[in-house]
Protein backbone atom coordinates (compact mmCIF):
# COMPACT_ATOMS: atom_id res chain seq x y z
CA MET A 1 196.07 -137.86 144.68
CA ALA A 2 195.99 -141.27 142.65
CA VAL A 3 195.25 -139.88 139.83
CA ALA A 4 197.41 -137.15 139.78
CA ILE A 5 200.22 -139.94 140.34
CA ILE A 6 198.89 -142.25 137.57
CA THR A 7 198.69 -139.21 135.08
CA THR A 8 201.91 -138.60 135.77
CA ALA A 9 203.56 -141.63 135.12
CA LEU A 10 201.69 -142.19 131.99
CA ARG A 11 202.20 -138.86 130.65
CA LYS A 12 204.77 -139.88 128.13
CA LYS A 13 202.42 -142.33 126.74
CA ILE A 14 199.68 -139.31 125.83
CA PRO A 15 199.32 -137.71 122.49
CA ARG A 16 200.61 -134.21 123.21
CA GLU A 17 197.83 -132.69 122.04
CA TYR A 18 195.18 -133.98 124.81
CA LYS A 19 197.13 -131.31 127.21
CA ILE A 20 198.46 -133.94 129.82
CA ASN A 21 200.64 -131.56 131.92
CA TRP A 22 197.92 -128.61 132.09
CA LEU A 23 195.76 -131.90 133.80
CA ASN A 24 198.76 -132.92 136.07
CA MET A 25 199.40 -129.30 136.98
CA MET A 26 195.82 -129.09 137.87
CA LEU A 27 195.41 -132.25 139.88
CA TRP A 28 198.66 -131.75 142.18
CA GLY A 29 197.87 -128.42 142.67
CA GLY A 30 194.64 -129.80 144.19
CA VAL A 31 196.56 -131.76 146.49
CA VAL A 32 198.72 -129.26 147.82
CA MET A 33 195.75 -127.72 147.89
CA LEU A 34 193.52 -130.04 149.99
CA ALA A 35 197.03 -131.09 152.29
CA VAL A 36 197.20 -127.66 153.41
CA GLU A 37 193.89 -127.54 154.36
CA HIS A 38 193.75 -130.74 156.44
CA ILE A 39 197.74 -129.19 157.89
CA ALA A 40 195.58 -126.04 158.83
CA HIS A 41 193.12 -127.80 160.29
CA GLN A 42 195.16 -130.22 162.61
CA GLU A 43 193.53 -132.87 160.70
CA VAL A 44 196.97 -133.84 159.99
CA VAL A 45 199.80 -133.97 162.38
CA PRO A 46 203.66 -134.47 162.16
CA TYR A 47 203.53 -137.19 165.40
CA PRO A 48 201.59 -139.97 165.78
CA PRO A 49 198.93 -141.30 165.30
CA PHE A 50 199.29 -138.11 161.76
CA LEU A 51 195.16 -138.76 161.33
CA THR A 52 194.10 -136.68 164.12
CA ALA A 53 190.33 -137.97 163.02
CA GLY A 54 191.26 -141.56 162.05
CA LEU A 55 190.24 -143.43 159.02
CA GLY A 56 186.56 -143.40 160.02
CA HIS A 57 186.15 -139.94 159.35
CA ALA A 58 188.99 -139.57 156.37
CA LEU A 59 187.64 -141.94 154.26
CA PRO A 60 184.42 -140.96 153.28
CA GLU A 61 185.66 -136.96 153.57
CA MET A 62 188.09 -138.26 150.76
CA LEU A 63 184.85 -139.72 148.54
CA ALA A 64 183.16 -136.29 149.44
CA VAL A 65 185.43 -133.97 148.90
CA GLY A 66 188.08 -135.74 146.43
CA GLY A 67 186.04 -137.50 144.40
CA PRO A 68 183.97 -134.36 143.33
CA MET A 69 186.97 -132.83 142.80
CA THR A 70 188.82 -134.95 140.80
CA ILE A 71 185.98 -134.79 138.39
CA ALA A 72 185.97 -131.10 138.08
CA ILE A 73 189.28 -131.06 137.44
CA PHE A 74 188.64 -132.78 134.30
CA GLY A 75 185.80 -131.18 133.24
CA VAL A 76 187.70 -128.16 133.17
CA TRP A 77 190.67 -130.07 131.34
CA SER A 78 188.44 -130.92 128.86
CA ILE A 79 186.69 -127.22 128.28
CA MET A 80 190.12 -126.22 127.88
CA VAL A 81 191.68 -128.96 125.72
CA ILE A 82 188.89 -128.68 123.38
CA THR A 83 188.67 -124.90 123.93
CA GLN A 84 192.08 -124.87 122.67
CA TYR A 85 191.71 -127.16 119.67
CA VAL A 86 188.66 -125.04 118.83
CA ALA A 87 190.95 -121.51 118.95
CA ALA A 88 193.82 -123.97 116.60
CA HIS A 89 191.50 -125.09 113.93
CA THR A 90 189.90 -121.99 113.74
CA ALA A 91 192.92 -119.58 113.16
CA LYS A 92 194.00 -122.24 110.59
CA SER A 93 190.93 -122.07 108.62
CA GLY A 94 190.81 -118.32 109.08
CA SER A 95 194.95 -118.33 107.40
CA LYS A 96 193.58 -120.32 104.60
CA ALA A 97 190.59 -117.65 103.39
CA ARG A 98 193.30 -114.94 104.23
CA THR A 99 195.68 -116.80 101.56
CA ALA A 100 192.88 -118.19 99.43
CA ALA A 101 191.83 -114.35 99.02
């Protein structure tokens, strides 16, 4: 969630070609997915103490699940941006070749 907050706050400063909105949607989707999973397993409840397992269990899980999930989201987003960039440049060079012929 921390990364999603940061990228959302900085989205206006990041060039459009990096498709930061794609990244934000993927990160916030992951946040919602994990929140639903935690609520479904009653790890988070709407009354005190809110975290049923305590911080001693929650922090290692954040590192074990949240860290790799965030890295995977960045990896998929990177592939999407690179693929879109390559496709756009391939289309440009293809139209130049057809125009020259």
